[in-house]
Each structure stands twice: as C-alpha cells, then as structure tokens.
Amino acid sequence: MDNGIKYGLEDRNIHIRIIEYTIFLRVDILNEGIEIKEEEINKIFQRFYRGENVRDKEGLGIGLYLSREIIEGQGGYIQVESSSKQTRFSIFLPKDKK
C-alpha cells in the first residue's frame, strides 16, 4: 500500500479488494499512477531494484522484495499487472485448514 501511495497519482484512491476462493484468499491492491514496464515486472521483486521511471522518488528498493518474501513464507504468491491506467498487485494466500 505504501508503494500505491508513493507512486500513485495525487488525490487518487487506492482500492483494496478481497476475494475468497475455496482454498485461498486473493487480495488486490489497485492504484492509478506510474506504469511498471512489462520488462521490469520480475525485476521489481529483486532486493534494491529501483525502476527506471521512479528513480526520482524516495526509496531503497526493498519493500517489494520483503513483501514477496513474507508472502511466500506464508505459502502464497504475488502477481502484478500494470498499464498506463492502473497497476494491480494481487496477493494469493492459502486459507487455514481446520
């Protein structure tokens, strides 16, 4: 969410949606802002990576790396879709087995 605020357009909302499936939960975080180029999608999860078009913004390049590590540590995964209109991060987390 911090990246959604930092890289989103000023005075725009960040949308969070939770969708429940049979064996997992999906959390979507959507914002309107700086597009992530397709060739950078996999790179943004590398430690200390900073996208070409966000070098003027403050940051260390560890937030998405740590997010991915935490999500995968919980047995989940994260996906990204980005266009000139919006970026969506989708987090998939397994549901507790009772």
N, C-alpha and C. Protein backbone atom coordinates (compact mmCIF):
# COMPACT_ATOMS: atom_id res chain seq x y z
N MET A 1 0.83 -1.19 0.00
CA MET A 1 0.00 0.00 0.00
C MET A 1 0.87 1.25 0.00
N ASP A 2 2.02 1.16 0.68
CA ASP A 2 2.91 2.31 0.69
C ASP A 2 3.33 2.69 -0.73
N ASN A 3 3.66 1.70 -1.55
CA ASN A 3 4.02 1.98 -2.93
C ASN A 3 2.85 2.56 -3.71
N GLY A 4 1.64 2.11 -3.42
CA GLY A 4 0.46 2.65 -4.08
C GLY A 4 0.30 4.13 -3.81
N ILE A 5 0.61 4.52 -2.59
CA ILE A 5 0.54 5.94 -2.23
C ILE A 5 1.70 6.70 -2.87
N LYS A 6 2.90 6.16 -2.73
CA LYS A 6 4.11 6.84 -3.21
C LYS A 6 4.11 7.02 -4.72
N TYR A 7 3.69 5.99 -5.45
CA TYR A 7 3.78 6.02 -6.91
C TYR A 7 2.45 6.27 -7.60
N GLY A 8 1.40 6.47 -6.83
CA GLY A 8 0.09 6.75 -7.40
C GLY A 8 -0.07 8.22 -7.73
N LEU A 9 -1.08 8.50 -8.52
CA LEU A 9 -1.39 9.89 -8.84
C LEU A 9 -1.93 10.59 -7.61
N GLU A 10 -1.56 11.84 -7.45
CA GLU A 10 -2.01 12.62 -6.30
C GLU A 10 -3.53 12.74 -6.31
N ASP A 11 -4.12 12.69 -5.13
CA ASP A 11 -5.57 12.81 -4.95
C ASP A 11 -6.37 11.67 -5.59
N ARG A 12 -5.74 10.51 -5.77
CA ARG A 12 -6.44 9.34 -6.28
C ARG A 12 -6.58 8.31 -5.18
N ASN A 13 -7.57 7.49 -5.29
CA ASN A 13 -7.81 6.45 -4.30
C ASN A 13 -7.01 5.20 -4.60
N ILE A 14 -6.74 4.45 -3.55
CA ILE A 14 -6.19 3.11 -3.68
C ILE A 14 -7.34 2.17 -3.34
N HIS A 15 -7.56 1.20 -4.18
CA HIS A 15 -8.66 0.27 -3.97
C HIS A 15 -8.11 -1.07 -3.50
N ILE A 16 -8.73 -1.60 -2.47
CA ILE A 16 -8.36 -2.90 -1.94
C ILE A 16 -9.57 -3.80 -2.03
N ARG A 17 -9.37 -4.96 -2.59
CA ARG A 17 -10.47 -5.90 -2.78
C ARG A 17 -10.00 -7.27 -2.28
N ILE A 18 -10.84 -7.93 -1.52
CA ILE A 18 -10.54 -9.28 -1.04
C ILE A 18 -11.56 -10.23 -1.64
N ILE A 19 -11.04 -11.27 -2.27
CA ILE A 19 -11.90 -12.26 -2.92
C ILE A 19 -11.59 -13.61 -2.29
N GLU A 20 -12.63 -14.29 -1.85
CA GLU A 20 -12.44 -15.60 -1.21
C GLU A 20 -12.72 -16.70 -2.21
N TYR A 21 -11.76 -17.59 -2.34
CA TYR A 21 -11.89 -18.79 -3.16
C TYR A 21 -11.89 -20.00 -2.23
N THR A 22 -12.06 -21.17 -2.77
CA THR A 22 -12.16 -22.38 -1.96
C THR A 22 -10.94 -22.62 -1.10
N ILE A 23 -9.75 -22.50 -1.68
CA ILE A 23 -8.55 -22.84 -0.92
C ILE A 23 -7.61 -21.66 -0.65
N PHE A 24 -7.95 -20.48 -1.17
CA PHE A 24 -7.10 -19.32 -0.92
C PHE A 24 -7.89 -18.03 -0.92
N LEU A 25 -7.25 -16.99 -0.39
CA LEU A 25 -7.79 -15.64 -0.43
C LEU A 25 -6.94 -14.83 -1.40
N ARG A 26 -7.58 -13.97 -2.14
CA ARG A 26 -6.87 -13.07 -3.05
C ARG A 26 -7.10 -11.65 -2.57
N VAL A 27 -6.02 -10.91 -2.40
CA VAL A 27 -6.10 -9.51 -2.01
C VAL A 27 -5.55 -8.70 -3.17
N ASP A 28 -6.40 -7.86 -3.76
CA ASP A 28 -5.98 -6.98 -4.85
C ASP A 28 -5.79 -5.58 -4.32
N ILE A 29 -4.69 -4.97 -4.70
CA ILE A 29 -4.41 -3.57 -4.36
C ILE A 29 -4.23 -2.85 -5.70
N LEU A 30 -5.13 -1.91 -5.98
CA LEU A 30 -5.12 -1.20 -7.27
C LEU A 30 -4.88 0.28 -7.05
N ASN A 31 -4.09 0.86 -7.94
CA ASN A 31 -3.93 2.31 -7.92
C ASN A 31 -3.73 2.83 -9.32
N GLU A 32 -3.95 4.12 -9.49
CA GLU A 32 -3.68 4.80 -10.75
C GLU A 32 -2.38 5.57 -10.54
N GLY A 33 -1.42 5.34 -11.41
CA GLY A 33 -0.15 6.03 -11.24
C GLY A 33 0.87 5.60 -12.25
N ILE A 34 2.11 5.55 -11.81
CA ILE A 34 3.23 5.23 -12.68
C ILE A 34 3.14 3.78 -13.14
N GLU A 35 3.19 3.59 -14.45
CA GLU A 35 3.12 2.24 -15.01
C GLU A 35 4.44 1.51 -14.77
N ILE A 36 4.33 0.23 -14.46
CA ILE A 36 5.50 -0.64 -14.35
C ILE A 36 5.65 -1.31 -15.71
N LYS A 37 6.77 -1.09 -16.35
CA LYS A 37 7.00 -1.67 -17.67
C LYS A 37 7.06 -3.19 -17.57
N GLU A 38 6.55 -3.86 -18.60
CA GLU A 38 6.47 -5.32 -18.58
C GLU A 38 7.83 -5.97 -18.36
N GLU A 39 8.87 -5.40 -18.95
CA GLU A 39 10.20 -5.98 -18.80
C GLU A 39 10.77 -5.80 -17.39
N GLU A 40 10.12 -4.97 -16.58
CA GLU A 40 10.58 -4.75 -15.20
C GLU A 40 9.76 -5.52 -14.16
N ILE A 41 8.66 -6.14 -14.57
CA ILE A 41 7.76 -6.80 -13.62
C ILE A 41 8.51 -7.77 -12.71
N ASN A 42 9.32 -8.65 -13.25
CA ASN A 42 10.04 -9.62 -12.41
C ASN A 42 11.18 -8.97 -11.64
N LYS A 43 11.74 -7.90 -12.17
CA LYS A 43 12.87 -7.23 -11.51
C LYS A 43 12.46 -6.48 -10.25
N ILE A 44 11.21 -6.00 -10.19
CA ILE A 44 10.81 -5.16 -9.06
C ILE A 44 10.82 -5.91 -7.74
N PHE A 45 10.86 -7.23 -7.78
CA PHE A 45 10.90 -8.03 -6.56
C PHE A 45 12.33 -8.38 -6.13
N GLN A 46 13.32 -7.92 -6.89
CA GLN A 46 14.71 -8.14 -6.51
C GLN A 46 15.12 -7.11 -5.45
N ARG A 47 15.94 -7.54 -4.53
CA ARG A 47 16.40 -6.65 -3.47
C ARG A 47 17.17 -5.47 -4.06
N PHE A 48 16.82 -4.27 -3.64
CA PHE A 48 17.44 -2.99 -4.01
C PHE A 48 17.16 -2.56 -5.46
N TYR A 49 16.24 -3.24 -6.15
CA TYR A 49 15.93 -2.82 -7.52
C TYR A 49 15.03 -1.59 -7.48
N ARG A 50 15.36 -0.61 -8.30
CA ARG A 50 14.54 0.60 -8.45
C ARG A 50 14.22 0.74 -9.93
N GLY A 51 12.95 0.87 -10.26
CA GLY A 51 12.53 1.01 -11.64
C GLY A 51 13.10 2.26 -12.28
N GLU A 52 13.29 2.19 -13.58
CA GLU A 52 13.87 3.32 -14.32
C GLU A 52 13.05 4.61 -14.16
N ASN A 53 11.73 4.48 -14.14
CA ASN A 53 10.89 5.67 -14.12
C ASN A 53 10.51 6.14 -12.71
N VAL A 54 11.14 5.58 -11.67
CA VAL A 54 10.85 6.02 -10.30
C VAL A 54 12.12 6.40 -9.53
N ARG A 55 13.20 6.56 -10.22
CA ARG A 55 14.47 6.88 -9.56
C ARG A 55 14.43 8.23 -8.85
N ASP A 56 13.52 9.10 -9.27
CA ASP A 56 13.40 10.42 -8.62
C ASP A 56 12.58 10.36 -7.33
N LYS A 57 11.96 9.23 -7.04
CA LYS A 57 11.18 9.06 -5.81
C LYS A 57 12.06 8.48 -4.71
N GLU A 58 11.74 8.82 -3.48
CA GLU A 58 12.50 8.30 -2.36
C GLU A 58 12.21 6.81 -2.17
N GLY A 59 13.23 6.03 -1.85
CA GLY A 59 13.05 4.61 -1.59
C GLY A 59 14.36 3.86 -1.69
N LEU A 60 14.37 2.67 -1.13
CA LEU A 60 15.58 1.84 -1.12
C LEU A 60 15.48 0.63 -2.03
N GLY A 61 14.28 0.29 -2.47
CA GLY A 61 14.12 -0.87 -3.33
C GLY A 61 14.07 -2.18 -2.56
N ILE A 62 13.60 -2.14 -1.32
CA ILE A 62 13.49 -3.39 -0.57
C ILE A 62 12.06 -3.75 -0.18
N GLY A 63 11.13 -2.83 -0.36
CA GLY A 63 9.75 -3.07 0.07
C GLY A 63 9.08 -4.23 -0.63
N LEU A 64 9.16 -4.26 -1.96
CA LEU A 64 8.52 -5.35 -2.70
C LEU A 64 9.27 -6.66 -2.50
N TYR A 65 10.58 -6.58 -2.36
CA TYR A 65 11.37 -7.78 -2.06
C TYR A 65 10.92 -8.40 -0.75
N LEU A 66 10.82 -7.57 0.30
CA LEU A 66 10.39 -8.08 1.60
C LEU A 66 8.95 -8.57 1.57
N SER A 67 8.10 -7.86 0.87
CA SER A 67 6.70 -8.29 0.75
C SER A 67 6.61 -9.67 0.14
N ARG A 68 7.33 -9.88 -0.95
CA ARG A 68 7.32 -11.19 -1.60
C ARG A 68 7.85 -12.28 -0.68
N GLU A 69 8.93 -11.99 0.04
CA GLU A 69 9.50 -12.97 0.96
C GLU A 69 8.49 -13.36 2.05
N ILE A 70 7.79 -12.38 2.60
CA ILE A 70 6.80 -12.65 3.65
C ILE A 70 5.63 -13.45 3.09
N ILE A 71 5.13 -13.04 1.94
CA ILE A 71 4.00 -13.74 1.32
C ILE A 71 4.37 -15.18 0.98
N GLU A 72 5.54 -15.39 0.39
CA GLU A 72 5.96 -16.76 0.07
C GLU A 72 6.21 -17.57 1.34
N GLY A 73 6.67 -16.93 2.40
CA GLY A 73 6.86 -17.62 3.67
C GLY A 73 5.55 -18.12 4.26
N GLN A 74 4.45 -17.50 3.86
CA GLN A 74 3.12 -17.92 4.30
C GLN A 74 2.49 -18.91 3.33
N GLY A 75 3.26 -19.33 2.33
CA GLY A 75 2.74 -20.29 1.35
C GLY A 75 1.97 -19.64 0.21
N GLY A 76 2.11 -18.33 0.03
CA GLY A 76 1.38 -17.63 -1.02
C GLY A 76 2.29 -17.14 -2.12
N TYR A 77 1.71 -16.31 -2.98
CA TYR A 77 2.49 -15.69 -4.05
C TYR A 77 1.85 -14.36 -4.43
N ILE A 78 2.59 -13.57 -5.21
CA ILE A 78 2.14 -12.24 -5.60
C ILE A 78 2.28 -12.09 -7.11
N GLN A 79 1.30 -11.43 -7.72
CA GLN A 79 1.31 -11.16 -9.15
C GLN A 79 1.11 -9.66 -9.37
N VAL A 80 1.58 -9.17 -10.51
CA VAL A 80 1.45 -7.75 -10.85
C VAL A 80 0.95 -7.62 -12.28
N GLU A 81 0.01 -6.72 -12.46
CA GLU A 81 -0.43 -6.31 -13.79
C GLU A 81 -0.40 -4.80 -13.81
N SER A 82 0.18 -4.22 -14.86
CA SER A 82 0.30 -2.77 -14.91
C SER A 82 0.04 -2.27 -16.33
N SER A 83 -0.63 -1.14 -16.40
CA SER A 83 -0.90 -0.48 -17.67
C SER A 83 -0.78 1.02 -17.44
N SER A 84 -1.00 1.77 -18.48
CA SER A 84 -0.93 3.24 -18.34
C SER A 84 -2.07 3.77 -17.48
N LYS A 85 -3.12 2.97 -17.26
CA LYS A 85 -4.27 3.41 -16.47
C LYS A 85 -4.18 3.01 -15.01
N GLN A 86 -3.69 1.79 -14.72
CA GLN A 86 -3.64 1.33 -13.33
C GLN A 86 -2.64 0.21 -13.16
N THR A 87 -2.25 0.01 -11.91
CA THR A 87 -1.41 -1.12 -11.53
C THR A 87 -2.16 -1.91 -10.48
N ARG A 88 -2.10 -3.25 -10.61
CA ARG A 88 -2.76 -4.12 -9.64
C ARG A 88 -1.76 -5.15 -9.13
N PHE A 89 -1.60 -5.17 -7.82
CA PHE A 89 -0.86 -6.22 -7.16
C PHE A 89 -1.88 -7.18 -6.59
N SER A 90 -1.77 -8.46 -6.92
CA SER A 90 -2.68 -9.48 -6.42
C SER A 90 -1.87 -10.42 -5.52
N ILE A 91 -2.31 -10.54 -4.28
CA ILE A 91 -1.64 -11.41 -3.31
C ILE A 91 -2.56 -12.61 -3.08
N PHE A 92 -2.00 -13.79 -3.23
CA PHE A 92 -2.75 -15.03 -3.05
C PHE A 92 -2.21 -15.71 -1.80
N LEU A 93 -3.09 -15.93 -0.82
CA LEU A 93 -2.70 -16.56 0.44
C LEU A 93 -3.57 -17.78 0.68
N PRO A 94 -2.95 -18.88 1.10
CA PRO A 94 -3.75 -20.09 1.39
C PRO A 94 -4.65 -19.84 2.59
N LYS A 95 -5.84 -20.44 2.54
CA LYS A 95 -6.73 -20.36 3.67
C LYS A 95 -6.31 -21.38 4.71
N ASP A 96 -6.58 -21.07 5.97
CA ASP A 96 -6.26 -22.02 7.05
C ASP A 96 -7.05 -23.29 6.88
N LYS A 97 -6.36 -24.40 7.11
CA LYS A 97 -7.05 -25.69 7.10
C LYS A 97 -7.42 -26.01 8.53
N LYS A 98 -8.68 -26.28 8.76
CA LYS A 98 -9.14 -26.55 10.14
C LYS A 98 -9.49 -27.98 10.31
